[in-house]
Structures are given as C-alpha cells and as structure tokens.
Protein backbone atom coordinates (compact mmCIF):
# COMPACT_ATOMS: atom_id res chain seq x y z
CA MET A 1 -4.48 11.06 -18.01
CA GLY A 2 -3.22 8.78 -20.77
CA GLY A 3 0.34 8.64 -22.06
CA SER A 4 3.77 8.66 -20.47
CA ARG A 5 4.00 12.43 -20.00
CA LEU A 6 6.18 13.99 -17.33
CA TYR A 7 4.98 17.01 -15.37
CA THR A 8 7.21 18.91 -12.97
CA GLY A 9 5.20 20.42 -10.11
CA VAL A 10 6.13 23.09 -7.60
CA MET A 11 7.56 22.00 -4.26
CA SER A 12 6.67 23.72 -1.01
CA ASP A 13 8.71 24.45 2.08
CA ASN A 14 7.83 26.19 5.31
CA PRO A 15 11.14 27.12 6.97
CA GLY A 16 11.50 28.13 10.56
CA THR A 17 10.49 24.98 12.41
CA THR A 18 12.06 21.58 13.01
CA VAL A 19 10.90 18.08 12.04
CA ASP A 20 12.14 14.54 12.47
CA PHE A 21 14.57 12.92 10.06
CA GLY A 22 14.73 9.44 11.49
CA PHE A 23 15.90 9.91 15.08
CA ARG A 24 17.47 13.28 14.27
CA THR A 25 15.82 16.70 14.39
CA VAL A 26 16.41 18.90 11.34
CA GLY A 27 15.06 22.15 9.96
CA ARG A 28 11.81 21.79 8.05
CA ALA A 29 13.38 23.29 4.94
CA GLU A 30 16.20 20.74 5.07
CA LYS A 31 14.18 17.54 5.28
CA ALA A 32 12.89 17.34 1.71
CA GLY A 33 16.41 17.58 0.31
CA MET A 34 17.73 15.01 2.76
CA VAL A 35 14.96 12.56 1.92
CA ARG A 36 15.61 13.17 -1.77
CA GLU A 37 19.25 12.21 -1.29
CA VAL A 38 18.20 8.96 0.40
CA PHE A 39 15.94 7.98 -2.47
CA ASP A 40 18.41 9.10 -5.12
CA SER A 41 20.72 6.58 -3.48
CA VAL A 42 18.28 3.69 -3.11
CA ALA A 43 16.21 4.17 -6.32
CA PRO A 44 18.10 1.60 -8.44
CA ARG A 45 17.60 -1.00 -5.71
CA TYR A 46 14.31 0.19 -4.23
CA ASP A 47 12.48 -3.10 -4.68
CA LEU A 48 15.41 -4.96 -3.18
CA MET A 49 15.31 -2.49 -0.28
CA ASN A 50 11.67 -3.31 0.40
CA ASP A 51 12.47 -7.02 0.20
CA LEU A 52 15.20 -6.54 2.80
CA MET A 53 13.05 -4.38 5.08
CA SER A 54 10.06 -6.74 5.01
CA LEU A 55 11.69 -10.10 4.16
CA GLY A 56 9.68 -10.02 0.93
CA ILE A 57 6.30 -9.75 2.66
CA HIS A 58 5.74 -6.27 1.18
CA ARG A 59 4.71 -7.98 -2.07
CA VAL A 60 1.81 -9.68 -0.26
CA TRP A 61 0.90 -6.45 1.53
CA LYS A 62 0.76 -4.59 -1.79
CA GLN A 63 -1.59 -7.15 -3.31
CA ILE A 64 -3.92 -6.76 -0.32
CA PHE A 65 -3.66 -2.98 -0.67
CA ILE A 66 -4.46 -3.05 -4.40
CA GLY A 67 -7.49 -5.21 -3.70
CA ALA A 68 -8.66 -2.68 -1.09
CA LEU A 69 -8.48 0.06 -3.75
CA GLN A 70 -11.21 -1.83 -5.66
CA PRO A 71 -9.96 -1.04 -9.20
CA ARG A 72 -12.65 -0.27 -11.77
CA PRO A 73 -12.29 0.80 -15.42
CA THR A 74 -14.33 3.96 -14.79
CA HIS A 75 -12.19 5.06 -11.83
CA THR A 76 -9.02 7.15 -11.97
CA LEU A 77 -6.13 6.64 -9.56
CA LEU A 78 -3.70 9.22 -8.21
CA ASP A 79 -0.70 7.23 -6.96
CA LEU A 80 1.20 9.52 -4.58
CA ALA A 81 4.88 8.73 -3.94
CA GLY A 82 4.30 5.99 -6.49
CA GLY A 83 8.00 5.57 -7.14
CA THR A 84 8.73 2.39 -9.04
CA GLY A 85 5.09 1.79 -9.94
CA ASP A 86 4.01 -1.39 -8.12
CA ILE A 87 0.65 0.01 -7.01
CA SER A 88 -0.11 1.60 -10.38
CA PHE A 89 0.74 -1.60 -12.24
CA GLY A 90 -1.34 -3.71 -9.88
CA TRP A 91 -4.29 -1.33 -10.27
CA LEU A 92 -4.13 -1.62 -14.05
CA LYS A 93 -3.70 -5.40 -14.01
CA ARG A 94 -6.91 -5.65 -12.00
CA GLY A 95 -8.88 -3.55 -14.46
CA GLY A 96 -8.50 -0.06 -13.01
CA GLY A 97 -8.82 3.09 -15.11
CA PRO A 98 -6.20 5.74 -15.98
CA VAL A 99 -3.39 6.43 -13.49
CA LEU A 100 -1.43 9.53 -12.58
CA LEU A 101 1.78 8.20 -10.99
CA THR A 102 3.58 10.90 -9.01
CA ASP A 103 6.68 11.18 -6.88
CA ILE A 104 8.73 14.08 -5.53
CA ASN A 105 11.90 12.19 -6.50
CA ASN A 106 12.71 12.13 -10.21
CA ALA A 107 15.14 9.22 -9.83
CA MET A 108 12.38 7.05 -8.40
CA LEU A 109 9.91 8.20 -11.04
CA SER A 110 12.39 7.38 -13.81
CA VAL A 111 12.62 3.81 -12.54
CA GLY A 112 8.82 3.59 -12.55
CA ARG A 113 8.59 5.00 -16.07
CA ASP A 114 11.13 2.49 -17.40
CA ARG A 115 9.26 -0.36 -15.72
CA ALA A 116 5.95 0.86 -17.20
CA LEU A 117 7.45 0.86 -20.70
CA ASN A 118 8.79 -2.66 -20.21
CA ARG A 119 5.38 -3.87 -19.03
CA GLY A 120 3.35 -2.17 -21.77
CA PHE A 121 1.57 0.24 -19.42
CA ALA A 122 2.94 3.53 -20.81
CA ASN A 123 -0.33 4.51 -22.51
CA ASP A 124 -2.34 4.02 -19.33
CA ILE A 125 -0.12 6.02 -16.96
CA SER A 126 0.87 9.68 -16.80
CA PHE A 127 3.99 10.53 -14.81
CA ALA A 128 4.50 13.67 -12.76
CA VAL A 129 7.09 15.01 -10.35
CA MET A 130 4.88 16.44 -7.59
CA ASP A 131 5.09 17.39 -3.95
CA ALA A 132 2.27 15.52 -2.21
CA GLU A 133 1.98 18.41 0.26
CA LYS A 134 0.93 20.83 -2.48
CA LEU A 135 -0.56 19.08 -5.49
CA PRO A 136 -0.94 21.17 -8.66
CA LEU A 137 -4.26 19.49 -9.39
CA PRO A 138 -7.85 20.76 -9.35
CA ASP A 139 -10.33 19.93 -6.61
CA ARG A 140 -12.40 16.76 -6.93
CA CYS A 141 -10.57 15.27 -9.92
CA VAL A 142 -9.82 11.61 -9.04
CA ASP A 143 -11.71 8.62 -7.66
CA ARG A 144 -8.91 7.01 -5.64
CA VAL A 145 -5.72 8.29 -4.02
CA SER A 146 -3.12 5.74 -2.97
CA MET A 147 0.10 6.16 -1.02
CA ALA A 148 2.29 3.14 -0.29
CA PHE A 149 5.37 3.52 1.91
CA GLY A 150 5.62 7.24 1.18
CA LEU A 151 3.77 9.19 3.86
CA ARG A 152 6.40 8.69 6.56
CA ASN A 153 8.97 10.48 4.38
CA CYS A 154 6.84 13.62 3.95
CA THR A 155 7.64 16.73 5.96
CA ASP A 156 4.04 17.84 6.60
CA LYS A 157 1.90 14.71 6.80
CA ASN A 158 -1.24 16.65 7.70
CA ALA A 159 -0.88 18.72 4.52
CA VAL A 160 -0.62 15.50 2.47
CA LEU A 161 -3.83 14.17 4.00
CA ARG A 162 -5.66 17.45 3.36
CA GLU A 163 -4.49 17.48 -0.25
CA ALA A 164 -5.54 13.87 -0.75
CA ARG A 165 -9.05 14.72 0.40
CA ARG A 166 -9.16 17.90 -1.68
CA VAL A 167 -8.46 16.15 -4.99
CA LEU A 168 -10.88 13.27 -4.33
CA LYS A 169 -14.30 13.35 -5.91
CA PRO A 170 -17.23 13.01 -3.48
CA GLY A 171 -17.50 9.29 -2.86
CA GLY A 172 -13.78 8.87 -3.53
CA ARG A 173 -11.38 7.08 -1.20
CA PHE A 174 -7.85 7.58 0.11
CA LEU A 175 -5.79 4.54 1.11
CA CYS A 176 -2.36 4.51 2.74
CA LEU A 177 -0.11 1.46 3.14
CA GLU A 178 2.74 2.14 5.52
CA PHE A 179 5.12 0.48 7.95
CA SER A 180 3.47 0.96 11.33
CA HIS A 181 3.79 -0.01 14.99
CA VAL A 182 4.01 -3.66 16.04
CA THR A 183 0.96 -4.84 17.96
CA LEU A 184 2.35 -8.24 18.97
CA SER A 185 4.85 -7.77 21.80
CA ALA A 186 6.65 -11.02 20.96
CA LEU A 187 7.64 -9.55 17.59
CA THR A 188 9.16 -6.34 18.99
CA PRO A 189 12.68 -7.51 19.99
CA ILE A 190 13.10 -9.51 16.78
CA TYR A 191 11.88 -6.62 14.64
CA ASP A 192 14.10 -4.10 16.43
CA ALA A 193 17.18 -6.28 16.02
CA TRP A 194 16.42 -6.74 12.33
CA SER A 195 15.78 -3.04 11.74
CA PHE A 196 18.70 -1.50 13.61
CA LYS A 197 21.42 -4.15 13.52
CA VAL A 198 20.91 -6.32 10.45
CA LEU A 199 19.30 -3.96 7.95
CA PRO A 200 22.03 -1.25 7.90
CA ARG A 201 24.68 -3.94 7.45
CA LEU A 202 22.74 -5.45 4.56
CA GLY A 203 22.37 -1.97 3.08
CA GLN A 204 26.12 -1.54 3.22
CA MET A 205 26.76 -4.96 1.70
CA VAL A 206 24.14 -4.82 -1.04
CA ALA A 207 24.04 -1.12 -1.93
CA GLY A 208 27.13 0.34 -0.28
CA ASP A 209 24.87 2.62 1.75
CA ALA A 210 24.24 1.84 5.43
CA ASP A 211 23.10 5.37 6.33
CA SER A 212 20.09 5.45 4.00
CA TYR A 213 18.87 2.12 5.29
CA ARG A 214 19.40 3.25 8.88
CA TYR A 215 17.29 6.34 8.20
CA LEU A 216 14.52 4.24 6.67
CA ALA A 217 14.38 2.02 9.76
CA GLU A 218 14.36 5.07 12.05
CA SER A 219 11.63 6.77 10.00
CA ILE A 220 9.32 3.83 10.71
CA ARG A 221 9.75 4.23 14.47
CA THR A 222 9.01 7.96 14.40
CA PHE A 223 5.89 7.53 12.22
CA PRO A 224 2.53 8.03 13.99
CA ASP A 225 0.98 4.85 15.36
CA GLN A 226 -2.20 3.42 13.90
CA GLU A 227 -4.71 5.33 16.01
CA THR A 228 -2.81 8.61 15.74
CA LEU A 229 -2.74 8.41 11.95
CA ALA A 230 -6.44 7.53 11.88
CA GLY A 231 -7.13 10.66 13.94
CA MET A 232 -5.02 12.77 11.58
CA MET A 233 -7.07 11.48 8.64
CA ARG A 234 -10.31 12.43 10.40
CA ASP A 235 -8.90 15.87 11.17
CA ALA A 236 -8.13 16.27 7.45
CA GLY A 237 -11.81 15.74 6.68
CA LEU A 238 -11.81 12.08 5.69
CA SER A 239 -14.74 9.99 6.89
CA ARG A 240 -15.35 6.38 7.91
CA VAL A 241 -11.65 5.88 8.58
CA THR A 242 -10.59 2.25 9.01
CA VAL A 243 -7.31 0.57 9.98
CA ARG A 244 -6.20 -2.92 8.93
CA ASN A 245 -3.05 -4.26 10.57
CA LEU A 246 -0.82 -6.54 8.53
CA THR A 247 1.68 -9.03 9.98
CA GLY A 248 1.13 -8.03 13.58
CA GLY A 249 1.17 -4.30 12.88
CA ILE A 250 4.51 -4.24 11.07
CA ALA A 251 2.47 -2.57 8.35
CA ALA A 252 -1.06 -1.18 8.24
CA ILE A 253 -3.60 -0.03 5.68
CA HIS A 254 -5.48 3.15 6.59
CA ALA A 255 -8.50 4.07 4.48
CA GLY A 256 -10.92 6.99 4.49
CA TRP A 257 -13.70 8.35 2.28
CA ARG A 258 -14.50 11.81 1.01
CA LEU A 259 -18.25 12.05 1.54
C-alpha cells in the first residue's frame, strides 16, 4: 500500500427509495451528489469546520480514537472517509503500518494528499477515491478499518458496515468515531442552540456557506443513537461491539471485531 497513488473506485446507487439529508427527505440516488457538494464547499476549511462544530474538542477525541486503534507496524489501516488525513497521520505517528486513505470526495482527498506531502507521509499512504458502500478491495485484506465523522454522511450505512467487516482479516477490528446523541440532559439545550443557531451563522461568516453547516448539524441529529448503531454493527456480523461516549455523548467511539 505504499506511495501516494490515487485510485478511482466505482460508486454505487440504488434509486427508487428515499433517505434523509439532514432534516429533509431526498431520493436515494440524489443524496451522494448532495453530500459531495457540501464537502466540495467545506473541504478547504474542513478542520476549521470541525473546530467550530466541536469547539476544538474533536482533536482530543481523535487522539483517543487513534489510541483505540492500537497502531502496530505489522498492521495495515483502511481509513474510510479519511478526508484530510488526521486519523491516518495519527496512526503513522504512533507506529502503525501502511495506510490506504480513502474518501468518496476528491476535493477532500486532495487536501489530505497535500497535507501528507507536507508532513513527509506520502510514502506510507496510498490514496483512493472510493465509495465506502462498495469497496473495490478483496476480502480479508486489512487489519484495521477506521471511520471518523464520515458514516453519518453515507446513504446506506448498513452496507458500509458490511463492507468494513468483509475487508477485515479475521481478528481485525472496525472503529467508528462519530457525533452521537447527548446523554447528559443538561447539555441538550446548550448543544441545540450552538448547532442550529450559532453554527450556521459562523459558517456564513467564516466560509460564506450557512447551508452546508446547517446540513452538518442536522445530519448529527438524524444519525442513529449509540445503541442503534451498535445493533447495526452486530447485524453486519461484527462481534464484541463496544461503545465509548465522549463529552457526554456529543461523540462516541463504536468498535467491533471480525472473529
């Protein structure tokens, strides 16, 4: 998996049904393109976006997540929706083996590739435009699959989970870091006000794009809660599924093994 190669995979759509796009309902075939437009817009300021959405705490969450991946030189990592590369870089800094960094959005992947070159990681990472719902990879080919802040933007989340399990080697592990559902009731009104009133205004001021930031806030609220996602992972064939809430459930790490 070495070298800064770029692979363009095949995307999949299943028209004829509807799915959520934030608080809106759209055709399944439409969602991927709409999400792509959002991330084309926010790609140059993606890290700033995460700082705004989490008040900078996402950086701490990612370090916890990378530690949970347990990087080892003999292990390979498939970083799904890896975007600007934070998880891949953290994995390598902690001694992990070769990385395949993928994203369905080429604008996001280009940012990640530029950052990898600047950090001297280009020889340790391969880059690929891939649809996480239909990975053009063989069965049982990687030791770890990571997905940070990407699953909620996928059209068919169950397909992503099945694919993650399929490409894991026996004894491999899938970990997902995602904005989740607040478990501390005292946080709820503050978090809602921040998400729906402040964040879109900041998006307009900082990036000239309130709509994309509004969608991102809405996509968090329509994402499955912690126990529902854990059940989806079990249904996909993952075993020993665990959930770790972060900052009162604002985010959570879900993990499961392929046994």
